[in-house]
Amino acid sequence: MSTYPLILTLDPHGAPHRWVTWQHACFYYAKDLVAWAAGDHSFTIHGGLSRLTGKQSAIRANSIIAIKGRALAGRQFHQVPPLDNRELFHRDRHICAYCGDILNSTRLTRDHVAPVSQGGRDIWMNVVTSCRACNQRKSGRTPEQAGMQLLYAPYVPNKAEYLILSNRNILADQMDFLARHVSSQSRVRL
């Protein structure tokens, strides 16, 4: 079977929830769990042949689907997304927070503004993207202790920003939908 893009799922009120595969989307459609669908793109996924009719089964899935159930907006939309380097580097646009160089992921590191050795935590609000040279120069010190200045402040991406950061192949209609949930101050590229 050909590859399909990830499907953006929402809660019944339209709050972004997560990306799912076409297989998960088919499950939601087959179990009548899709509250409503949106987006400009739809995909027909073909299954096996019916023994009774001899016709091939098919499910038409949209690029954006709302899943039946309780609303996620109040609780999960504001939960802190998981931190990993790929999304961190995307959040910071691959720019070193100290020298301003724009580098590819293989030349970047996660820097703890307040070093772990000094009680700093591995959380979005305490990490920035750093080139290897700046991270080594800063070492186990704070920027102030190392005489280095942060060029931008860390922040926690909201759910929509995180969904943008975590998917490399977002369809235009999905991006348009998610962009409506991103603050104008966000560093996430739209």
N, C-alpha and C. Protein backbone atom coordinates (compact mmCIF):
# COMPACT_ATOMS: atom_id res chain seq x y z
N MET A 1 0.85 -1.17 0.00
CA MET A 1 0.00 0.00 0.00
C MET A 1 0.90 1.24 0.00
N SER A 2 0.48 2.28 -0.71
CA SER A 2 1.27 3.51 -0.76
C SER A 2 1.25 4.20 0.60
N THR A 3 2.18 5.10 0.78
CA THR A 3 2.26 5.79 2.06
C THR A 3 1.32 6.99 2.07
N TYR A 4 0.76 7.24 3.21
CA TYR A 4 -0.15 8.36 3.41
C TYR A 4 0.45 9.29 4.46
N PRO A 5 0.12 10.56 4.40
CA PRO A 5 0.62 11.47 5.45
C PRO A 5 -0.07 11.16 6.77
N LEU A 6 0.50 11.68 7.84
CA LEU A 6 -0.15 11.53 9.14
C LEU A 6 -1.44 12.33 9.15
N ILE A 7 -2.40 11.85 9.93
CA ILE A 7 -3.71 12.49 10.05
C ILE A 7 -3.71 13.28 11.36
N LEU A 8 -4.17 14.53 11.29
CA LEU A 8 -4.27 15.37 12.49
C LEU A 8 -5.58 15.08 13.18
N THR A 9 -5.52 14.67 14.46
CA THR A 9 -6.74 14.43 15.21
C THR A 9 -7.00 15.60 16.14
N LEU A 10 -8.27 15.84 16.38
CA LEU A 10 -8.74 16.92 17.24
C LEU A 10 -9.70 16.35 18.26
N ASP A 11 -9.96 17.12 19.32
CA ASP A 11 -11.04 16.73 20.21
C ASP A 11 -12.35 17.18 19.56
N PRO A 12 -13.51 16.81 20.11
CA PRO A 12 -14.79 17.16 19.47
C PRO A 12 -15.02 18.67 19.30
N HIS A 13 -14.31 19.48 20.09
CA HIS A 13 -14.47 20.93 20.01
C HIS A 13 -13.45 21.59 19.09
N GLY A 14 -12.58 20.79 18.49
CA GLY A 14 -11.63 21.32 17.52
C GLY A 14 -10.26 21.66 18.05
N ALA A 15 -9.94 21.26 19.28
CA ALA A 15 -8.59 21.50 19.82
C ALA A 15 -7.65 20.42 19.28
N PRO A 16 -6.47 20.81 18.78
CA PRO A 16 -5.50 19.83 18.27
C PRO A 16 -5.14 18.81 19.34
N HIS A 17 -5.01 17.56 18.93
CA HIS A 17 -4.70 16.50 19.89
C HIS A 17 -3.39 15.79 19.56
N ARG A 18 -3.33 15.07 18.42
CA ARG A 18 -2.11 14.34 18.08
C ARG A 18 -2.16 13.91 16.62
N TRP A 19 -1.01 13.43 16.15
CA TRP A 19 -0.91 12.84 14.81
C TRP A 19 -1.18 11.36 14.93
N VAL A 20 -1.90 10.80 13.95
CA VAL A 20 -2.11 9.35 13.92
C VAL A 20 -1.81 8.86 12.50
N THR A 21 -1.52 7.59 12.38
CA THR A 21 -1.29 6.98 11.07
C THR A 21 -2.62 6.77 10.37
N TRP A 22 -2.56 6.46 9.09
CA TRP A 22 -3.78 6.18 8.33
C TRP A 22 -4.49 4.96 8.91
N GLN A 23 -3.71 4.01 9.49
CA GLN A 23 -4.32 2.82 10.09
C GLN A 23 -5.19 3.20 11.29
N HIS A 24 -4.66 4.11 12.13
CA HIS A 24 -5.44 4.57 13.28
C HIS A 24 -6.69 5.31 12.81
N ALA A 25 -6.52 6.14 11.78
CA ALA A 25 -7.67 6.88 11.24
C ALA A 25 -8.74 5.91 10.75
N CYS A 26 -8.32 4.85 10.06
CA CYS A 26 -9.28 3.84 9.59
C CYS A 26 -10.01 3.19 10.76
N PHE A 27 -9.29 2.92 11.82
CA PHE A 27 -9.90 2.36 13.03
C PHE A 27 -10.99 3.29 13.55
N TYR A 28 -10.67 4.58 13.66
CA TYR A 28 -11.65 5.56 14.15
C TYR A 28 -12.88 5.60 13.24
N TYR A 29 -12.67 5.59 11.92
CA TYR A 29 -13.80 5.59 10.99
C TYR A 29 -14.61 4.30 11.12
N ALA A 30 -13.94 3.16 11.16
CA ALA A 30 -14.63 1.87 11.21
C ALA A 30 -15.44 1.71 12.50
N LYS A 31 -14.96 2.27 13.60
CA LYS A 31 -15.65 2.18 14.89
C LYS A 31 -16.62 3.34 15.12
N ASP A 32 -16.84 4.16 14.08
CA ASP A 32 -17.74 5.31 14.16
C ASP A 32 -17.34 6.27 15.29
N LEU A 33 -16.04 6.50 15.40
CA LEU A 33 -15.52 7.40 16.43
C LEU A 33 -15.16 8.79 15.88
N VAL A 34 -15.38 9.00 14.59
CA VAL A 34 -15.08 10.31 14.00
C VAL A 34 -16.31 11.19 14.16
N ALA A 35 -16.15 12.27 14.96
CA ALA A 35 -17.27 13.19 15.20
C ALA A 35 -17.52 14.05 13.97
N TRP A 36 -16.44 14.52 13.37
CA TRP A 36 -16.53 15.33 12.16
C TRP A 36 -15.15 15.37 11.52
N ALA A 37 -15.12 15.76 10.26
CA ALA A 37 -13.86 15.81 9.52
C ALA A 37 -13.72 17.17 8.85
N ALA A 38 -12.47 17.54 8.58
CA ALA A 38 -12.19 18.83 7.94
C ALA A 38 -10.97 18.65 7.06
N GLY A 39 -10.57 19.74 6.46
CA GLY A 39 -9.37 19.71 5.64
C GLY A 39 -9.69 19.55 4.16
N ASP A 40 -8.75 19.95 3.34
CA ASP A 40 -8.91 19.89 1.90
C ASP A 40 -8.49 18.55 1.30
N HIS A 41 -7.80 17.75 2.09
CA HIS A 41 -7.28 16.48 1.57
C HIS A 41 -8.06 15.31 2.15
N SER A 42 -8.33 14.34 1.31
CA SER A 42 -8.90 13.08 1.79
C SER A 42 -8.22 11.96 1.02
N PHE A 43 -8.26 10.79 1.61
CA PHE A 43 -7.55 9.64 1.07
C PHE A 43 -8.49 8.44 1.11
N THR A 44 -8.47 7.65 0.07
CA THR A 44 -9.25 6.42 0.05
C THR A 44 -8.30 5.26 0.30
N ILE A 45 -8.59 4.54 1.36
CA ILE A 45 -7.79 3.38 1.72
C ILE A 45 -8.62 2.14 1.37
N HIS A 46 -8.07 1.30 0.52
CA HIS A 46 -8.78 0.11 0.05
C HIS A 46 -8.41 -1.10 0.89
N GLY A 47 -9.41 -1.91 1.17
CA GLY A 47 -9.21 -3.12 1.95
C GLY A 47 -9.39 -4.36 1.09
N GLY A 48 -9.87 -5.41 1.72
CA GLY A 48 -10.05 -6.69 1.03
C GLY A 48 -11.37 -6.76 0.27
N LEU A 49 -11.58 -7.90 -0.36
CA LEU A 49 -12.80 -8.14 -1.11
C LEU A 49 -13.86 -8.77 -0.21
N SER A 50 -15.09 -8.33 -0.39
CA SER A 50 -16.21 -8.90 0.36
C SER A 50 -16.56 -10.27 -0.23
N ARG A 51 -16.78 -11.26 0.61
CA ARG A 51 -17.18 -12.59 0.14
C ARG A 51 -18.59 -12.57 -0.44
N LEU A 52 -19.42 -11.68 0.09
CA LEU A 52 -20.82 -11.63 -0.35
C LEU A 52 -20.98 -10.91 -1.68
N THR A 53 -20.33 -9.75 -1.82
CA THR A 53 -20.54 -8.93 -3.01
C THR A 53 -19.39 -9.01 -4.00
N GLY A 54 -18.23 -9.42 -3.54
CA GLY A 54 -17.05 -9.45 -4.41
C GLY A 54 -16.43 -8.07 -4.61
N LYS A 55 -16.98 -7.06 -3.93
CA LYS A 55 -16.46 -5.70 -4.06
C LYS A 55 -15.38 -5.44 -3.02
N GLN A 56 -14.45 -4.58 -3.39
CA GLN A 56 -13.37 -4.21 -2.47
C GLN A 56 -13.89 -3.16 -1.49
N SER A 57 -13.55 -3.33 -0.22
CA SER A 57 -13.94 -2.34 0.79
C SER A 57 -13.04 -1.11 0.68
N ALA A 58 -13.56 0.00 1.14
CA ALA A 58 -12.79 1.25 1.09
C ALA A 58 -13.25 2.17 2.21
N ILE A 59 -12.29 2.89 2.77
CA ILE A 59 -12.59 3.91 3.77
C ILE A 59 -11.98 5.20 3.26
N ARG A 60 -12.77 6.25 3.27
CA ARG A 60 -12.29 7.57 2.86
C ARG A 60 -11.98 8.34 4.14
N ALA A 61 -10.71 8.74 4.31
CA ALA A 61 -10.27 9.43 5.51
C ALA A 61 -9.83 10.85 5.16
N ASN A 62 -10.22 11.80 5.98
CA ASN A 62 -9.80 13.19 5.79
C ASN A 62 -8.46 13.44 6.49
N SER A 63 -7.81 14.52 6.11
CA SER A 63 -6.51 14.87 6.69
C SER A 63 -6.63 15.41 8.11
N ILE A 64 -7.84 15.85 8.48
CA ILE A 64 -8.10 16.37 9.84
C ILE A 64 -9.40 15.74 10.31
N ILE A 65 -9.35 15.05 11.46
CA ILE A 65 -10.56 14.42 11.99
C ILE A 65 -10.70 14.72 13.48
N ALA A 66 -11.94 14.96 13.89
CA ALA A 66 -12.25 15.14 15.32
C ALA A 66 -12.76 13.81 15.85
N ILE A 67 -12.22 13.42 16.99
CA ILE A 67 -12.56 12.13 17.59
C ILE A 67 -13.63 12.32 18.66
N LYS A 68 -14.65 11.47 18.63
CA LYS A 68 -15.71 11.53 19.64
C LYS A 68 -15.13 11.25 21.02
N GLY A 69 -15.77 11.80 22.02
CA GLY A 69 -15.33 11.60 23.39
C GLY A 69 -15.29 12.93 24.11
N ARG A 70 -14.72 12.93 25.28
CA ARG A 70 -14.71 14.18 26.04
C ARG A 70 -13.68 15.16 25.48
N ALA A 71 -13.92 16.41 25.71
CA ALA A 71 -13.04 17.46 25.19
C ALA A 71 -11.69 17.42 25.86
N LEU A 72 -10.66 17.70 25.09
CA LEU A 72 -9.29 17.71 25.59
C LEU A 72 -8.80 19.14 25.85
N ALA A 73 -9.53 20.12 25.34
CA ALA A 73 -9.04 21.50 25.32
C ALA A 73 -8.61 22.01 26.68
N GLY A 74 -9.39 21.76 27.71
CA GLY A 74 -9.05 22.31 29.01
C GLY A 74 -7.86 21.64 29.66
N ARG A 75 -7.66 20.37 29.40
CA ARG A 75 -6.64 19.62 30.12
C ARG A 75 -5.43 19.34 29.23
N GLN A 76 -5.59 18.55 28.20
CA GLN A 76 -4.44 18.11 27.43
C GLN A 76 -3.85 19.18 26.52
N PHE A 77 -4.67 20.15 26.06
CA PHE A 77 -4.13 21.17 25.17
C PHE A 77 -3.05 21.97 25.88
N HIS A 78 -3.17 22.12 27.19
CA HIS A 78 -2.20 22.92 27.94
C HIS A 78 -1.13 22.09 28.64
N GLN A 79 -1.13 20.78 28.42
CA GLN A 79 -0.09 19.95 29.01
C GLN A 79 1.24 20.25 28.33
N VAL A 80 2.32 20.10 29.08
CA VAL A 80 3.66 20.33 28.54
C VAL A 80 4.02 19.18 27.62
N PRO A 81 4.36 19.50 26.36
CA PRO A 81 4.74 18.42 25.43
C PRO A 81 6.08 17.81 25.80
N PRO A 82 6.33 16.56 25.39
CA PRO A 82 7.61 15.93 25.70
C PRO A 82 8.76 16.68 25.03
N LEU A 83 9.86 16.76 25.74
CA LEU A 83 11.06 17.46 25.25
C LEU A 83 11.98 16.47 24.56
N ASP A 84 12.35 16.79 23.34
CA ASP A 84 13.43 16.04 22.70
C ASP A 84 14.17 16.97 21.76
N ASN A 85 15.40 16.59 21.43
CA ASN A 85 16.28 17.49 20.68
C ASN A 85 15.70 17.93 19.34
N ARG A 86 15.08 17.02 18.62
CA ARG A 86 14.56 17.37 17.30
C ARG A 86 13.58 18.53 17.40
N GLU A 87 12.61 18.45 18.34
CA GLU A 87 11.63 19.52 18.50
C GLU A 87 12.27 20.77 19.11
N LEU A 88 13.23 20.59 20.01
CA LEU A 88 13.94 21.75 20.57
C LEU A 88 14.65 22.53 19.47
N PHE A 89 15.39 21.83 18.62
CA PHE A 89 16.13 22.51 17.55
C PHE A 89 15.17 23.20 16.58
N HIS A 90 14.04 22.58 16.31
CA HIS A 90 13.03 23.23 15.46
C HIS A 90 12.45 24.46 16.16
N ARG A 91 12.14 24.33 17.47
CA ARG A 91 11.60 25.47 18.22
C ARG A 91 12.54 26.66 18.10
N ASP A 92 13.84 26.40 18.22
CA ASP A 92 14.85 27.47 18.21
C ASP A 92 15.38 27.76 16.81
N ARG A 93 14.74 27.19 15.80
CA ARG A 93 15.07 27.42 14.39
C ARG A 93 16.52 27.09 14.04
N HIS A 94 17.08 26.11 14.75
CA HIS A 94 18.46 25.65 14.52
C HIS A 94 19.48 26.77 14.74
N ILE A 95 19.14 27.73 15.60
CA ILE A 95 20.02 28.86 15.89
C ILE A 95 20.64 28.67 17.26
N CYS A 96 21.98 28.77 17.34
CA CYS A 96 22.66 28.70 18.62
C CYS A 96 22.23 29.90 19.46
N ALA A 97 21.82 29.63 20.68
CA ALA A 97 21.34 30.69 21.57
C ALA A 97 22.45 31.62 22.04
N TYR A 98 23.70 31.29 21.77
CA TYR A 98 24.82 32.10 22.26
C TYR A 98 25.54 32.85 21.14
N CYS A 99 25.86 32.18 20.04
CA CYS A 99 26.59 32.85 18.96
C CYS A 99 25.71 33.24 17.78
N GLY A 100 24.50 32.67 17.70
CA GLY A 100 23.57 33.00 16.64
C GLY A 100 23.78 32.25 15.34
N ASP A 101 24.74 31.32 15.30
CA ASP A 101 24.96 30.54 14.08
C ASP A 101 23.76 29.62 13.81
N ILE A 102 23.43 29.47 12.55
CA ILE A 102 22.38 28.54 12.13
C ILE A 102 23.09 27.29 11.61
N LEU A 103 22.80 26.16 12.25
CA LEU A 103 23.51 24.91 11.93
C LEU A 103 22.52 23.77 11.75
N ASN A 104 23.00 22.68 11.12
CA ASN A 104 22.14 21.51 11.01
C ASN A 104 22.17 20.75 12.34
N SER A 105 21.22 19.85 12.49
CA SER A 105 21.02 19.15 13.76
C SER A 105 22.26 18.41 14.26
N THR A 106 23.07 17.89 13.36
CA THR A 106 24.24 17.12 13.79
C THR A 106 25.29 17.99 14.47
N ARG A 107 25.21 19.29 14.28
CA ARG A 107 26.20 20.19 14.89
C ARG A 107 25.63 20.96 16.07
N LEU A 108 24.44 20.56 16.52
CA LEU A 108 23.77 21.25 17.63
C LEU A 108 23.67 20.35 18.85
N THR A 109 23.52 20.99 20.00
CA THR A 109 23.36 20.27 21.27
C THR A 109 22.26 20.95 22.08
N ARG A 110 21.81 20.24 23.10
CA ARG A 110 20.86 20.80 24.07
C ARG A 110 21.66 21.38 25.20
N ASP A 111 21.49 22.68 25.46
CA ASP A 111 22.18 23.31 26.58
C ASP A 111 21.19 23.62 27.69
N HIS A 112 21.58 23.30 28.91
CA HIS A 112 20.78 23.64 30.08
C HIS A 112 21.23 25.01 30.57
N VAL A 113 20.35 26.00 30.48
CA VAL A 113 20.69 27.37 30.89
C VAL A 113 21.18 27.35 32.33
N ALA A 114 20.41 26.79 33.24
CA ALA A 114 20.87 26.51 34.60
C ALA A 114 21.37 25.07 34.56
N PRO A 115 22.68 24.85 34.62
CA PRO A 115 23.23 23.50 34.46
C PRO A 115 22.63 22.48 35.44
N VAL A 116 22.49 21.26 34.96
CA VAL A 116 21.98 20.18 35.80
C VAL A 116 22.88 20.01 37.02
N SER A 117 24.18 20.21 36.84
CA SER A 117 25.13 20.08 37.96
C SER A 117 24.90 21.14 39.04
N GLN A 118 24.15 22.20 38.69
CA GLN A 118 23.83 23.25 39.67
C GLN A 118 22.35 23.23 40.04
N GLY A 119 21.69 22.11 39.77
CA GLY A 119 20.28 21.97 40.15
C GLY A 119 19.30 22.31 39.05
N GLY A 120 19.78 22.64 37.86
CA GLY A 120 18.87 22.92 36.74
C GLY A 120 18.17 21.66 36.28
N ARG A 121 16.98 21.84 35.71
CA ARG A 121 16.19 20.68 35.28
C ARG A 121 16.16 20.58 33.77
N ASP A 122 15.86 19.37 33.29
CA ASP A 122 15.77 19.10 31.86
C ASP A 122 14.32 19.35 31.43
N ILE A 123 13.96 20.63 31.33
CA ILE A 123 12.61 21.04 30.95
C ILE A 123 12.70 22.14 29.89
N TRP A 124 11.62 22.33 29.13
CA TRP A 124 11.60 23.31 28.05
C TRP A 124 12.09 24.69 28.49
N MET A 125 11.69 25.13 29.67
CA MET A 125 12.04 26.48 30.13
C MET A 125 13.49 26.62 30.57
N ASN A 126 14.25 25.53 30.57
CA ASN A 126 15.65 25.58 30.99
C ASN A 126 16.59 25.10 29.90
N VAL A 127 16.10 24.90 28.69
CA VAL A 127 16.98 24.42 27.62
C VAL A 127 16.90 25.31 26.40
N VAL A 128 18.03 25.42 25.73
CA VAL A 128 18.13 26.15 24.47
C VAL A 128 19.02 25.36 23.53
N THR A 129 18.93 25.70 22.26
CA THR A 129 19.80 25.09 21.26
C THR A 129 21.15 25.78 21.31
N SER A 130 22.21 24.98 21.27
CA SER A 130 23.57 25.52 21.33
C SER A 130 24.47 24.75 20.36
N CYS A 131 25.38 25.47 19.71
CA CYS A 131 26.38 24.77 18.90
C CYS A 131 27.33 24.07 19.88
N ARG A 132 28.04 23.09 19.39
CA ARG A 132 28.95 22.33 20.25
C ARG A 132 30.01 23.23 20.88
N ALA A 133 30.56 24.16 20.09
CA ALA A 133 31.62 25.03 20.61
C ALA A 133 31.12 25.90 21.76
N CYS A 134 29.96 26.50 21.62
CA CYS A 134 29.41 27.34 22.69
C CYS A 134 29.05 26.52 23.92
N ASN A 135 28.51 25.32 23.70
CA ASN A 135 28.15 24.47 24.83
C ASN A 135 29.40 24.06 25.61
N GLN A 136 30.48 23.75 24.89
CA GLN A 136 31.73 23.39 25.57
C GLN A 136 32.32 24.60 26.29
N ARG A 137 32.24 25.76 25.67
CA ARG A 137 32.77 26.99 26.31
C ARG A 137 32.00 27.32 27.58
N LYS A 138 30.67 27.17 27.53
CA LYS A 138 29.83 27.45 28.70
C LYS A 138 30.07 26.42 29.78
N SER A 139 30.26 25.18 29.36
CA SER A 139 30.54 24.06 30.26
C SER A 139 29.43 23.94 31.31
N GLY A 140 29.77 23.68 32.54
CA GLY A 140 28.79 23.48 33.62
C GLY A 140 28.46 24.77 34.35
N ARG A 141 28.47 25.88 33.63
CA ARG A 141 28.20 27.19 34.26
C ARG A 141 26.91 27.79 33.70
N THR A 142 26.39 28.77 34.39
CA THR A 142 25.26 29.54 33.86
C THR A 142 25.82 30.49 32.81
N PRO A 143 24.98 31.06 31.96
CA PRO A 143 25.49 32.03 30.99
C PRO A 143 26.22 33.20 31.66
N GLU A 144 25.69 33.66 32.78
CA GLU A 144 26.34 34.76 33.51
C GLU A 144 27.72 34.35 34.01
N GLN A 145 27.83 33.16 34.60
CA GLN A 145 29.11 32.68 35.10
C GLN A 145 30.12 32.51 33.98
N ALA A 146 29.65 32.17 32.78
CA ALA A 146 30.54 31.95 31.64
C ALA A 146 30.80 33.23 30.84
N GLY A 147 30.13 34.33 31.23
CA GLY A 147 30.27 35.58 30.49
C GLY A 147 29.65 35.51 29.10
N MET A 148 28.58 34.74 28.97
CA MET A 148 27.90 34.58 27.69
C MET A 148 26.47 35.10 27.82
N GLN A 149 25.95 35.64 26.74
CA GLN A 149 24.60 36.20 26.77
C GLN A 149 23.67 35.36 25.91
N LEU A 150 22.48 35.08 26.44
CA LEU A 150 21.46 34.38 25.66
C LEU A 150 20.88 35.34 24.64
N LEU A 151 20.75 34.88 23.39
CA LEU A 151 20.18 35.71 22.32
C LEU A 151 18.65 35.62 22.30
N TYR A 152 18.11 34.58 22.90
CA TYR A 152 16.65 34.41 22.99
C TYR A 152 16.34 33.60 24.23
N ALA A 153 15.10 33.72 24.69
CA ALA A 153 14.68 33.03 25.90
C ALA A 153 13.99 31.71 25.56
N PRO A 154 14.17 30.71 26.39
CA PRO A 154 13.45 29.45 26.18
C PRO A 154 11.97 29.63 26.49
N TYR A 155 11.13 28.79 25.89
CA TYR A 155 9.70 28.78 26.21
C TYR A 155 9.14 27.39 25.95
N VAL A 156 7.97 27.15 26.51
CA VAL A 156 7.29 25.88 26.33
C VAL A 156 6.34 26.01 25.14
N PRO A 157 6.51 25.21 24.10
CA PRO A 157 5.58 25.28 22.98
C PRO A 157 4.20 24.77 23.38
N ASN A 158 3.15 25.39 22.84
CA ASN A 158 1.81 24.87 23.13
C ASN A 158 1.59 23.62 22.27
N LYS A 159 0.44 23.00 22.43
CA LYS A 159 0.16 21.73 21.74
C LYS A 159 0.23 21.89 20.22
N ALA A 160 -0.33 22.97 19.68
CA ALA A 160 -0.31 23.18 18.23
C ALA A 160 1.12 23.37 17.74
N GLU A 161 1.91 24.16 18.45
CA GLU A 161 3.32 24.35 18.08
C GLU A 161 4.06 23.01 18.10
N TYR A 162 3.82 22.23 19.15
CA TYR A 162 4.49 20.94 19.26
C TYR A 162 4.12 20.03 18.10
N LEU A 163 2.85 20.02 17.71
CA LEU A 163 2.43 19.19 16.58
C LEU A 163 3.12 19.64 15.29
N ILE A 164 3.31 20.93 15.13
CA ILE A 164 4.04 21.44 13.97
C ILE A 164 5.51 21.01 14.04
N LEU A 165 6.09 21.14 15.23
CA LEU A 165 7.50 20.78 15.40
C LEU A 165 7.76 19.29 15.20
N SER A 166 6.78 18.47 15.53
CA SER A 166 7.02 17.02 15.55
C SER A 166 6.69 16.31 14.23
N ASN A 167 6.24 17.02 13.22
CA ASN A 167 5.89 16.37 11.95
C ASN A 167 6.57 17.11 10.81
N ARG A 168 7.36 16.41 10.05
CA ARG A 168 8.08 17.03 8.93
C ARG A 168 7.25 17.14 7.66
N ASN A 169 6.15 16.42 7.58
CA ASN A 169 5.37 16.36 6.34
C ASN A 169 3.92 16.80 6.57
N ILE A 170 3.75 18.02 7.00
CA ILE A 170 2.42 18.54 7.28
C ILE A 170 1.79 19.03 5.98
N LEU A 171 0.56 18.62 5.75
CA LEU A 171 -0.17 19.08 4.58
C LEU A 171 -0.59 20.54 4.79
N ALA A 172 -0.80 21.26 3.71
CA ALA A 172 -1.14 22.68 3.79
C ALA A 172 -2.39 22.93 4.62
N ASP A 173 -3.42 22.10 4.46
CA ASP A 173 -4.65 22.32 5.23
C ASP A 173 -4.43 22.07 6.72
N GLN A 174 -3.57 21.09 7.04
CA GLN A 174 -3.25 20.83 8.45
C GLN A 174 -2.47 22.00 9.04
N MET A 175 -1.51 22.53 8.27
CA MET A 175 -0.72 23.67 8.75
C MET A 175 -1.60 24.89 8.96
N ASP A 176 -2.49 25.14 8.03
CA ASP A 176 -3.42 26.28 8.18
C ASP A 176 -4.24 26.14 9.46
N PHE A 177 -4.72 24.92 9.73
CA PHE A 177 -5.50 24.69 10.93
C PHE A 177 -4.66 24.92 12.19
N LEU A 178 -3.47 24.33 12.23
CA LEU A 178 -2.61 24.47 13.42
C LEU A 178 -2.14 25.91 13.62
N ALA A 179 -1.88 26.62 12.53
CA ALA A 179 -1.38 28.00 12.63
C ALA A 179 -2.36 28.90 13.38
N ARG A 180 -3.65 28.59 13.31
CA ARG A 180 -4.65 29.38 14.03
C ARG A 180 -4.55 29.22 15.54
N HIS A 181 -3.81 28.21 15.99
CA HIS A 181 -3.64 27.95 17.43
C HIS A 181 -2.26 28.35 17.94
N VAL A 182 -1.49 29.05 17.11
CA VAL A 182 -0.13 29.45 17.48
C VAL A 182 -0.08 30.95 17.73
N SER A 183 0.55 31.32 18.82
CA SER A 183 0.69 32.74 19.20
C SER A 183 1.52 33.49 18.17
N SER A 184 1.24 34.76 18.00
CA SER A 184 2.01 35.59 17.07
C SER A 184 3.46 35.78 17.54
N GLN A 185 3.73 35.53 18.82
CA GLN A 185 5.09 35.64 19.34
C GLN A 185 5.91 34.35 19.20
N SER A 186 5.31 33.32 18.69
CA SER A 186 5.98 32.02 18.56
C SER A 186 7.16 32.11 17.61
N ARG A 187 8.20 31.31 17.89
CA ARG A 187 9.34 31.20 16.98
C ARG A 187 9.16 30.07 15.98
N VAL A 188 8.07 29.32 16.11
CA VAL A 188 7.82 28.21 15.19
C VAL A 188 7.53 28.78 13.82
N ARG A 189 8.24 28.25 12.82
CA ARG A 189 8.02 28.71 11.43
C ARG A 189 6.73 28.18 10.89
N LEU A 190 5.96 29.09 10.36
CA LEU A 190 4.67 28.69 9.78
C LEU A 190 4.74 28.82 8.27
